[in-house]
Structures are given as C-alpha cells and as structure tokens.
Amino acid sequence: MKLSISEARKRLPALVRRVRRDAGARVEIMVHNEVVAELRAVQPEPEPGAAAKTLLRLMKQLPKPRGRKVSVSSHVKTHLYGPRGVIH
C-alpha cells in the first residue's frame, strides 16, 4: 500500500494495527510521488551465535579426511609439477 505522508499521519494508528495484525503487510510512505519510508512489522532476530552453531553442525557432516596429512604450502612446486602433480 502506498500513501502520501499527510495521509499516513492521519491514519498512523490504523496502519500500525494493520501491520501488527498481518506481518507481511507493508505501507510505503511517499513524498512528491517518491517512496521515502516504509512501515512494516519487525522481523525476529536470530539468537546470538546461531550462525556459528549452524556452521559447526555443517562441518560435522563433512566427510573426514583420509590418509596422512600433507603440508601443501611447504611443497608447492612438488604438488604442482611433481610426478603426480596437478599441472602436467
């Protein structure tokens, strides 16, 4: 819904009730036919640390590395150009 700023001032309590009732409702406030503000419901914030917990859970699902660990950074040329290197 788009309203002029003067109309939004007159109907603000009703607009707030509408947005509170319907979380998906948006009211765009216009000045000189240009949208300058938006009235919408507050989105719930994720709990602190939710992203880190999700990443840790996903890391546990990754396959475990097999074989011995190889330090690629200390032997770059061997890994790139050696007998079984990436670049032939």
PDB file of N, CA and C in Angstrom:
ATOM      1  N   MET A   1       0.840  -1.158   0.000  1.00  0.00           N
ATOM      2  CA  MET A   1       0.000   0.000   0.000  1.00  0.00           C
ATOM      3  C   MET A   1       0.899   1.239   0.000  1.00  0.00           C
ATOM      4  N   LYS A   2       0.570   2.208  -0.843  1.00  0.00           N
ATOM      5  CA  LYS A   2       1.334   3.450  -0.916  1.00  0.00           C
ATOM      6  C   LYS A   2       0.438   4.603  -0.467  1.00  0.00           C
ATOM      7  N   LEU A   3       0.974   5.435   0.404  1.00  0.00           N
ATOM      8  CA  LEU A   3       0.237   6.587   0.921  1.00  0.00           C
ATOM      9  C   LEU A   3       1.129   7.817   0.926  1.00  0.00           C
ATOM     10  N   SER A   4       0.493   8.966   0.768  1.00  0.00           N
ATOM     11  CA  SER A   4       1.247  10.214   0.920  1.00  0.00           C
ATOM     12  C   SER A   4       1.558  10.397   2.402  1.00  0.00           C
ATOM     13  N   ILE A   5       2.529  11.219   2.697  1.00  0.00           N
ATOM     14  CA  ILE A   5       2.935  11.404   4.093  1.00  0.00           C
ATOM     15  C   ILE A   5       1.811  12.034   4.917  1.00  0.00           C
ATOM     16  N   SER A   6       1.045  12.933   4.334  1.00  0.00           N
ATOM     17  CA  SER A   6      -0.054  13.552   5.084  1.00  0.00           C
ATOM     18  C   SER A   6      -1.149  12.525   5.392  1.00  0.00           C
ATOM     19  N   GLU A   7      -1.435  11.638   4.460  1.00  0.00           N
ATOM     20  CA  GLU A   7      -2.429  10.594   4.689  1.00  0.00           C
ATOM     21  C   GLU A   7      -1.922   9.596   5.733  1.00  0.00           C
ATOM     22  N   ALA A   8      -0.636   9.285   5.695  1.00  0.00           N
ATOM     23  CA  ALA A   8      -0.054   8.363   6.673  1.00  0.00           C
ATOM     24  C   ALA A   8      -0.123   8.947   8.081  1.00  0.00           C
ATOM     25  N   ARG A   9       0.083  10.254   8.213  1.00  0.00           N
ATOM     26  CA  ARG A   9      -0.023  10.901   9.528  1.00  0.00           C
ATOM     27  C   ARG A   9      -1.433  10.767  10.080  1.00  0.00           C
ATOM     28  N   LYS A  10      -2.422  10.967   9.237  1.00  0.00           N
ATOM     29  CA  LYS A  10      -3.825  10.892   9.674  1.00  0.00           C
ATOM     30  C   LYS A  10      -4.190   9.473  10.096  1.00  0.00           C
ATOM     31  N   ARG A  11      -3.674   8.479   9.381  1.00  0.00           N
ATOM     32  CA  ARG A  11      -4.094   7.100   9.593  1.00  0.00           C
ATOM     33  C   ARG A  11      -3.066   6.243  10.318  1.00  0.00           C
ATOM     34  N   LEU A  12      -2.068   6.856  10.950  1.00  0.00           N
ATOM     35  CA  LEU A  12      -0.972   6.104  11.556  1.00  0.00           C
ATOM     36  C   LEU A  12      -1.427   5.029  12.550  1.00  0.00           C
ATOM     37  N   PRO A  13      -2.307   5.317  13.510  1.00  0.00           N
ATOM     38  CA  PRO A  13      -2.709   4.250  14.444  1.00  0.00           C
ATOM     39  C   PRO A  13      -3.331   3.048  13.722  1.00  0.00           C
ATOM     40  N   ALA A  14      -4.169   3.299  12.742  1.00  0.00           N
ATOM     41  CA  ALA A  14      -4.795   2.200  11.993  1.00  0.00           C
ATOM     42  C   ALA A  14      -3.756   1.431  11.174  1.00  0.00           C
ATOM     43  N   LEU A  15      -2.786   2.144  10.619  1.00  0.00           N
ATOM     44  CA  LEU A  15      -1.736   1.494   9.839  1.00  0.00           C
ATOM     45  C   LEU A  15      -0.870   0.594  10.721  1.00  0.00           C
ATOM     46  N   VAL A  16      -0.559   1.063  11.916  1.00  0.00           N
ATOM     47  CA  VAL A  16       0.245   0.269  12.851  1.00  0.00           C
ATOM     48  C   VAL A  16      -0.528  -0.987  13.253  1.00  0.00           C
ATOM     49  N   ARG A  17      -1.813  -0.869  13.523  1.00  0.00           N
ATOM     50  CA  ARG A  17      -2.623  -2.045  13.857  1.00  0.00           C
ATOM     51  C   ARG A  17      -2.637  -3.035  12.701  1.00  0.00           C
ATOM     52  N   ARG A  18      -2.748  -2.531  11.480  1.00  0.00           N
ATOM     53  CA  ARG A  18      -2.772  -3.400  10.299  1.00  0.00           C
ATOM     54  C   ARG A  18      -1.457  -4.177  10.157  1.00  0.00           C
ATOM     55  N   VAL A  19      -0.350  -3.476  10.312  1.00  0.00           N
ATOM     56  CA  VAL A  19       0.958  -4.119  10.188  1.00  0.00           C
ATOM     57  C   VAL A  19       1.170  -5.117  11.324  1.00  0.00           C
ATOM     58  N   ARG A  20       0.690  -4.802  12.504  1.00  0.00           N
ATOM     59  CA  ARG A  20       0.832  -5.711  13.643  1.00  0.00           C
ATOM     60  C   ARG A  20       0.036  -6.999  13.409  1.00  0.00           C
ATOM     61  N   ARG A  21      -1.162  -6.849  12.836  1.00  0.00           N
ATOM     62  CA  ARG A  21      -2.025  -7.997  12.564  1.00  0.00           C
ATOM     63  C   ARG A  21      -1.461  -8.891  11.462  1.00  0.00           C
ATOM     64  N   ASP A  22      -1.004  -8.272  10.377  1.00  0.00           N
ATOM     65  CA  ASP A  22      -0.509  -9.005   9.218  1.00  0.00           C
ATOM     66  C   ASP A  22       0.981  -8.714   9.066  1.00  0.00           C
ATOM     67  N   ALA A  23       1.825  -9.683   9.438  1.00  0.00           N
ATOM     68  CA  ALA A  23       3.274  -9.473   9.430  1.00  0.00           C
ATOM     69  C   ALA A  23       3.820  -9.216   8.034  1.00  0.00           C
ATOM     70  N   GLY A  24       3.119  -9.627   6.998  1.00  0.00           N
ATOM     71  CA  GLY A  24       3.590  -9.427   5.632  1.00  0.00           C
ATOM     72  C   GLY A  24       3.167  -8.100   5.026  1.00  0.00           C
ATOM     73  N   ALA A  25       2.344  -7.346   5.727  1.00  0.00           N
ATOM     74  CA  ALA A  25       1.849  -6.072   5.196  1.00  0.00           C
ATOM     75  C   ALA A  25       2.944  -5.013   5.210  1.00  0.00           C
ATOM     76  N   ARG A  26       2.944  -4.174   4.181  1.00  0.00           N
ATOM     77  CA  ARG A  26       3.895  -3.063   4.085  1.00  0.00           C
ATOM     78  C   ARG A  26       3.130  -1.809   3.695  1.00  0.00           C
ATOM     79  N   VAL A  27       3.541  -0.708   4.247  1.00  0.00           N
ATOM     80  CA  VAL A  27       2.976   0.590   3.874  1.00  0.00           C
ATOM     81  C   VAL A  27       4.140   1.463   3.437  1.00  0.00           C
ATOM     82  N   GLU A  28       4.094   1.906   2.185  1.00  0.00           N
ATOM     83  CA  GLU A  28       5.136   2.784   1.663  1.00  0.00           C
ATOM     84  C   GLU A  28       4.639   4.221   1.762  1.00  0.00           C
ATOM     85  N   ILE A  29       5.461   5.083   2.336  1.00  0.00           N
ATOM     86  CA  ILE A  29       5.099   6.487   2.534  1.00  0.00           C
ATOM     87  C   ILE A  29       5.821   7.309   1.478  1.00  0.00           C
ATOM     88  N   MET A  30       5.043   8.132   0.783  1.00  0.00           N
ATOM     89  CA  MET A  30       5.565   8.864  -0.362  1.00  0.00           C
ATOM     90  C   MET A  30       5.567  10.369  -0.114  1.00  0.00           C
ATOM     91  N   VAL A  31       6.572  11.015  -0.665  1.00  0.00           N
ATOM     92  CA  VAL A  31       6.664  12.475  -0.676  1.00  0.00           C
ATOM     93  C   VAL A  31       6.950  12.865  -2.121  1.00  0.00           C
ATOM     94  N   HIS A  32       6.079  13.670  -2.704  1.00  0.00           N
ATOM     95  CA  HIS A  32       6.202  14.089  -4.103  1.00  0.00           C
ATOM     96  C   HIS A  32       6.365  12.887  -5.039  1.00  0.00           C
ATOM     97  N   ASN A  33       5.479  11.891  -4.859  1.00  0.00           N
ATOM     98  CA  ASN A  33       5.446  10.677  -5.692  1.00  0.00           C
ATOM     99  C   ASN A  33       6.748   9.865  -5.646  1.00  0.00           C
ATOM    100  N   GLU A  34       7.482   9.979  -4.570  1.00  0.00           N
ATOM    101  CA  GLU A  34       8.698   9.194  -4.385  1.00  0.00           C
ATOM    102  C   GLU A  34       8.623   8.510  -3.027  1.00  0.00           C
ATOM    103  N   VAL A  35       8.851   7.199  -2.992  1.00  0.00           N
ATOM    104  CA  VAL A  35       8.812   6.455  -1.742  1.00  0.00           C
ATOM    105  C   VAL A  35      10.022   6.854  -0.904  1.00  0.00           C
ATOM    106  N   VAL A  36       9.755   7.327   0.321  1.00  0.00           N
ATOM    107  CA  VAL A  36      10.833   7.769   1.205  1.00  0.00           C
ATOM    108  C   VAL A  36      10.910   6.966   2.501  1.00  0.00           C
ATOM    109  N   ALA A  37       9.857   6.214   2.803  1.00  0.00           N
ATOM    110  CA  ALA A  37       9.854   5.420   4.034  1.00  0.00           C
ATOM    111  C   ALA A  37       8.935   4.218   3.862  1.00  0.00           C
ATOM    112  N   GLU A  38       9.128   3.263   4.763  1.00  0.00           N
ATOM    113  CA  GLU A  38       8.328   2.045   4.715  1.00  0.00           C
ATOM    114  C   GLU A  38       7.955   1.652   6.138  1.00  0.00           C
ATOM    115  N   LEU A  39       6.702   1.291   6.330  1.00  0.00           N
ATOM    116  CA  LEU A  39       6.221   0.825   7.627  1.00  0.00           C
ATOM    117  C   LEU A  39       5.916  -0.657   7.475  1.00  0.00           C
ATOM    118  N   ARG A  40       6.579  -1.484   8.285  1.00  0.00           N
ATOM    119  CA  ARG A  40       6.364  -2.930   8.237  1.00  0.00           C
ATOM    120  C   ARG A  40       6.634  -3.523   9.603  1.00  0.00           C
ATOM    121  N   ALA A  41       6.242  -4.775   9.791  1.00  0.00           N
ATOM    122  CA  ALA A  41       6.426  -5.443  11.073  1.00  0.00           C
ATOM    123  C   ALA A  41       7.907  -5.713  11.320  1.00  0.00           C
ATOM    124  N   VAL A  42       8.283  -5.774  12.572  1.00  0.00           N
ATOM    125  CA  VAL A  42       9.652  -6.074  12.963  1.00  0.00           C
ATOM    126  C   VAL A  42       9.910  -7.559  12.706  1.00  0.00           C
ATOM    127  N   GLN A  43      11.052  -7.860  12.113  1.00  0.00           N
ATOM    128  CA  GLN A  43      11.437  -9.242  11.855  1.00  0.00           C
ATOM    129  C   GLN A  43      12.175  -9.777  13.082  1.00  0.00           C
ATOM    130  N   PRO A  44      11.881 -11.012  13.492  1.00  0.00           N
ATOM    131  CA  PRO A  44      12.588 -11.555  14.659  1.00  0.00           C
ATOM    132  C   PRO A  44      14.064 -11.758  14.335  1.00  0.00           C
ATOM    133  N   GLU A  45      14.910 -11.424  15.292  1.00  0.00           N
ATOM    134  CA  GLU A  45      16.354 -11.584  15.108  1.00  0.00           C
ATOM    135  C   GLU A  45      16.773 -12.974  15.549  1.00  0.00           C
ATOM    136  N   PRO A  46      17.742 -13.563  14.869  1.00  0.00           N
ATOM    137  CA  PRO A  46      18.228 -14.874  15.315  1.00  0.00           C
ATOM    138  C   PRO A  46      18.954 -14.737  16.642  1.00  0.00           C
ATOM    139  N   GLU A  47      18.983 -15.831  17.380  1.00  0.00           N
ATOM    140  CA  GLU A  47      19.664 -15.791  18.673  1.00  0.00           C
ATOM    141  C   GLU A  47      21.171 -15.616  18.457  1.00  0.00           C
ATOM    142  N   PRO A  48      21.857 -14.977  19.398  1.00  0.00           N
ATOM    143  CA  PRO A  48      23.303 -14.792  19.251  1.00  0.00           C
ATOM    144  C   PRO A  48      24.012 -16.138  19.131  1.00  0.00           C
ATOM    145  N   GLY A  49      24.906 -16.243  18.170  1.00  0.00           N
ATOM    146  CA  GLY A  49      25.671 -17.465  17.971  1.00  0.00           C
ATOM    147  C   GLY A  49      24.995 -18.493  17.079  1.00  0.00           C
ATOM    148  N   ALA A  50      23.819 -18.172  16.527  1.00  0.00           N
ATOM    149  CA  ALA A  50      23.093 -19.133  15.694  1.00  0.00           C
ATOM    150  C   ALA A  50      23.880 -19.489  14.437  1.00  0.00           C
ATOM    151  N   ALA A  51      24.529 -18.507  13.824  1.00  0.00           N
ATOM    152  CA  ALA A  51      25.303 -18.767  12.609  1.00  0.00           C
ATOM    153  C   ALA A  51      26.483 -19.688  12.909  1.00  0.00           C
ATOM    154  N   ALA A  52      27.172 -19.450  14.010  1.00  0.00           N
ATOM    155  CA  ALA A  52      28.323 -20.290  14.376  1.00  0.00           C
ATOM    156  C   ALA A  52      27.873 -21.716  14.670  1.00  0.00           C
ATOM    157  N   LYS A  53      26.745 -21.871  15.361  1.00  0.00           N
ATOM    158  CA  LYS A  53      26.232 -23.212  15.659  1.00  0.00           C
ATOM    159  C   LYS A  53      25.876 -23.955  14.373  1.00  0.00           C
ATOM    160  N   THR A  54      25.281 -23.257  13.426  1.00  0.00           N
ATOM    161  CA  THR A  54      24.923 -23.882  12.154  1.00  0.00           C
ATOM    162  C   THR A  54      26.168 -24.307  11.388  1.00  0.00           C
ATOM    163  N   LEU A  55      27.189 -23.450  11.355  1.00  0.00           N
ATOM    164  CA  LEU A  55      28.432 -23.807  10.669  1.00  0.00           C
ATOM    165  C   LEU A  55      29.110 -25.018  11.314  1.00  0.00           C
ATOM    166  N   LEU A  56      29.145 -25.070  12.627  1.00  0.00           N
ATOM    167  CA  LEU A  56      29.745 -26.215  13.317  1.00  0.00           C
ATOM    168  C   LEU A  56      28.978 -27.501  13.017  1.00  0.00           C
ATOM    169  N   ARG A  57      27.646 -27.415  12.986  1.00  0.00           N
ATOM    170  CA  ARG A  57      26.830 -28.578  12.660  1.00  0.00           C
ATOM    171  C   ARG A  57      27.114 -29.059  11.241  1.00  0.00           C
ATOM    172  N   LEU A  58      27.243 -28.115  10.309  1.00  0.00           N
ATOM    173  CA  LEU A  58      27.536 -28.478   8.927  1.00  0.00           C
ATOM    174  C   LEU A  58      28.939 -29.077   8.778  1.00  0.00           C
ATOM    175  N   MET A  59      29.905 -28.554   9.537  1.00  0.00           N
ATOM    176  CA  MET A  59      31.269 -29.079   9.472  1.00  0.00           C
ATOM    177  C   MET A  59      31.319 -30.528   9.943  1.00  0.00           C
ATOM    178  N   LYS A  60      30.487 -30.886  10.922  1.00  0.00           N
ATOM    179  CA  LYS A  60      30.461 -32.266  11.421  1.00  0.00           C
ATOM    180  C   LYS A  60      29.931 -33.224  10.358  1.00  0.00           C
ATOM    181  N   GLN A  61      29.136 -32.706   9.428  1.00  0.00           N
ATOM    182  CA  GLN A  61      28.557 -33.550   8.380  1.00  0.00           C
ATOM    183  C   GLN A  61      29.507 -33.761   7.203  1.00  0.00           C
ATOM    184  N   LEU A  62      30.580 -32.972   7.125  1.00  0.00           N
ATOM    185  CA  LEU A  62      31.539 -33.128   6.034  1.00  0.00           C
ATOM    186  C   LEU A  62      32.296 -34.442   6.179  1.00  0.00           C
ATOM    187  N   PRO A  63      32.724 -35.040   5.070  1.00  0.00           N
ATOM    188  CA  PRO A  63      33.494 -36.280   5.176  1.00  0.00           C
ATOM    189  C   PRO A  63      34.836 -36.028   5.838  1.00  0.00           C
ATOM    190  N   LYS A  64      35.291 -37.004   6.597  1.00  0.00           N
ATOM    191  CA  LYS A  64      36.573 -36.901   7.301  1.00  0.00           C
ATOM    192  C   LYS A  64      37.715 -37.135   6.312  1.00  0.00           C
ATOM    193  N   PRO A  65      38.820 -36.387   6.415  1.00  0.00           N
ATOM    194  CA  PRO A  65      39.958 -36.615   5.521  1.00  0.00           C
ATOM    195  C   PRO A  65      40.599 -37.970   5.807  1.00  0.00           C
ATOM    196  N   ARG A  66      41.065 -38.632   4.757  1.00  0.00           N
ATOM    197  CA  ARG A  66      41.700 -39.941   4.914  1.00  0.00           C
ATOM    198  C   ARG A  66      43.189 -39.838   4.585  1.00  0.00           C
ATOM    199  N   GLY A  67      43.972 -40.738   5.109  1.00  0.00           N
ATOM    200  CA  GLY A  67      45.400 -40.751   4.826  1.00  0.00           C
ATOM    201  C   GLY A  67      46.163 -39.770   5.684  1.00  0.00           C
ATOM    202  N   ARG A  68      47.450 -39.673   5.380  1.00  0.00           N
ATOM    203  CA  ARG A  68      48.293 -38.779   6.179  1.00  0.00           C
ATOM    204  C   ARG A  68      48.121 -37.338   5.718  1.00  0.00           C
ATOM    205  N   LYS A  69      48.359 -36.435   6.628  1.00  0.00           N
ATOM    206  CA  LYS A  69      48.258 -35.015   6.304  1.00  0.00           C
ATOM    207  C   LYS A  69      49.487 -34.589   5.518  1.00  0.00           C
ATOM    208  N   VAL A  70      49.280 -33.757   4.505  1.00  0.00           N
ATOM    209  CA  VAL A  70      50.367 -33.284   3.667  1.00  0.00           C
ATOM    210  C   VAL A  70      50.372 -31.765   3.719  1.00  0.00           C
ATOM    211  N   SER A  71      51.523 -31.186   3.978  1.00  0.00           N
ATOM    212  CA  SER A  71      51.669 -29.738   4.014  1.00  0.00           C
ATOM    213  C   SER A  71      51.888 -29.231   2.583  1.00  0.00           C
ATOM    214  N   VAL A  72      50.836 -28.816   1.925  1.00  0.00           N
ATOM    215  CA  VAL A  72      50.919 -28.371   0.537  1.00  0.00           C
ATOM    216  C   VAL A  72      51.708 -27.069   0.435  1.00  0.00           C
ATOM    217  N   SER A  73      51.508 -26.165   1.388  1.00  0.00           N
ATOM    218  CA  SER A  73      52.162 -24.862   1.288  1.00  0.00           C
ATOM    219  C   SER A  73      53.684 -24.951   1.364  1.00  0.00           C
ATOM    220  N   SER A  74      54.225 -25.948   2.045  1.00  0.00           N
ATOM    221  CA  SER A  74      55.681 -26.044   2.144  1.00  0.00           C
ATOM    222  C   SER A  74      56.304 -26.747   0.939  1.00  0.00           C
ATOM    223  N   HIS A  75      55.511 -27.419   0.121  1.00  0.00           N
ATOM    224  CA  HIS A  75      55.998 -28.132  -1.058  1.00  0.00           C
ATOM    225  C   HIS A  75      55.146 -27.808  -2.278  1.00  0.00           C
ATOM    226  N   VAL A  76      54.959 -26.549  -2.548  1.00  0.00           N
ATOM    227  CA  VAL A  76      54.075 -26.121  -3.629  1.00  0.00           C
ATOM    228  C   VAL A  76      54.529 -26.659  -4.974  1.00  0.00           C
ATOM    229  N   LYS A  77      55.791 -26.485  -5.297  1.00  0.00           N
ATOM    230  CA  LYS A  77      56.294 -26.900  -6.623  1.00  0.00           C
ATOM    231  C   LYS A  77      56.181 -28.414  -6.806  1.00  0.00           C
ATOM    232  N   THR A  78      56.425 -29.177  -5.749  1.00  0.00           N
ATOM    233  CA  THR A  78      56.300 -30.627  -5.838  1.00  0.00           C
ATOM    234  C   THR A  78      54.853 -31.023  -6.143  1.00  0.00           C
ATOM    235  N   HIS A  79      53.913 -30.368  -5.485  1.00  0.00           N
ATOM    236  CA  HIS A  79      52.500 -30.697  -5.697  1.00  0.00           C
ATOM    237  C   HIS A  79      52.009 -30.251  -7.064  1.00  0.00           C
ATOM    238  N   LEU A  80      52.551 -29.155  -7.573  1.00  0.00           N
ATOM    239  CA  LEU A  80      52.104 -28.673  -8.880  1.00  0.00           C
ATOM    240  C   LEU A  80      52.785 -29.393 -10.029  1.00  0.00           C
ATOM    241  N   TYR A  81      54.101 -29.608  -9.936  1.00  0.00           N
ATOM    242  CA  TYR A  81      54.871 -30.111 -11.079  1.00  0.00           C
ATOM    243  C   TYR A  81      55.473 -31.493 -10.878  1.00  0.00           C
ATOM    244  N   GLY A  82      55.284 -32.111  -9.706  1.00  0.00           N
ATOM    245  CA  GLY A  82      55.891 -33.409  -9.429  1.00  0.00           C
ATOM    246  C   GLY A  82      55.295 -34.534 -10.276  1.00  0.00           C
ATOM    247  N   PRO A  83      55.709 -35.794  -9.995  1.00  0.00           N
ATOM    248  CA  PRO A  83      55.272 -36.934 -10.792  1.00  0.00           C
ATOM    249  C   PRO A  83      53.742 -37.077 -10.858  1.00  0.00           C
ATOM    250  N   ARG A  84      53.067 -36.811  -9.774  1.00  0.00           N
ATOM    251  CA  ARG A  84      51.613 -36.877  -9.798  1.00  0.00           C
ATOM    252  C   ARG A  84      51.029 -35.478  -9.568  1.00  0.00           C
ATOM    253  N   GLY A  85      51.710 -34.473 -10.040  1.00  0.00           N
ATOM    254  CA  GLY A  85      51.296 -33.091  -9.817  1.00  0.00           C
ATOM    255  C   GLY A  85      50.034 -32.708 -10.560  1.00  0.00           C
ATOM    256  N   VAL A  86      49.499 -31.599 -10.195  1.00  0.00           N
ATOM    257  CA  VAL A  86      48.261 -31.108 -10.787  1.00  0.00           C
ATOM    258  C   VAL A  86      48.502 -30.626 -12.213  1.00  0.00           C
ATOM    259  N   ILE A  87      49.625 -29.946 -12.439  1.00  0.00           N
ATOM    260  CA  ILE A  87      49.943 -29.406 -13.772  1.00  0.00           C
ATOM    261  C   ILE A  87      50.895 -30.368 -14.461  1.00  0.00           C
ATOM    262  N   HIS A  88      50.518 -30.859 -15.632  1.00  0.00           N
ATOM    263  CA  HIS A  88      51.334 -31.837 -16.378  1.00  0.00           C
ATOM    264  C   HIS A  88      52.078 -31.184 -17.495  1.00  0.00           C
TER     265      HIS A  88
END
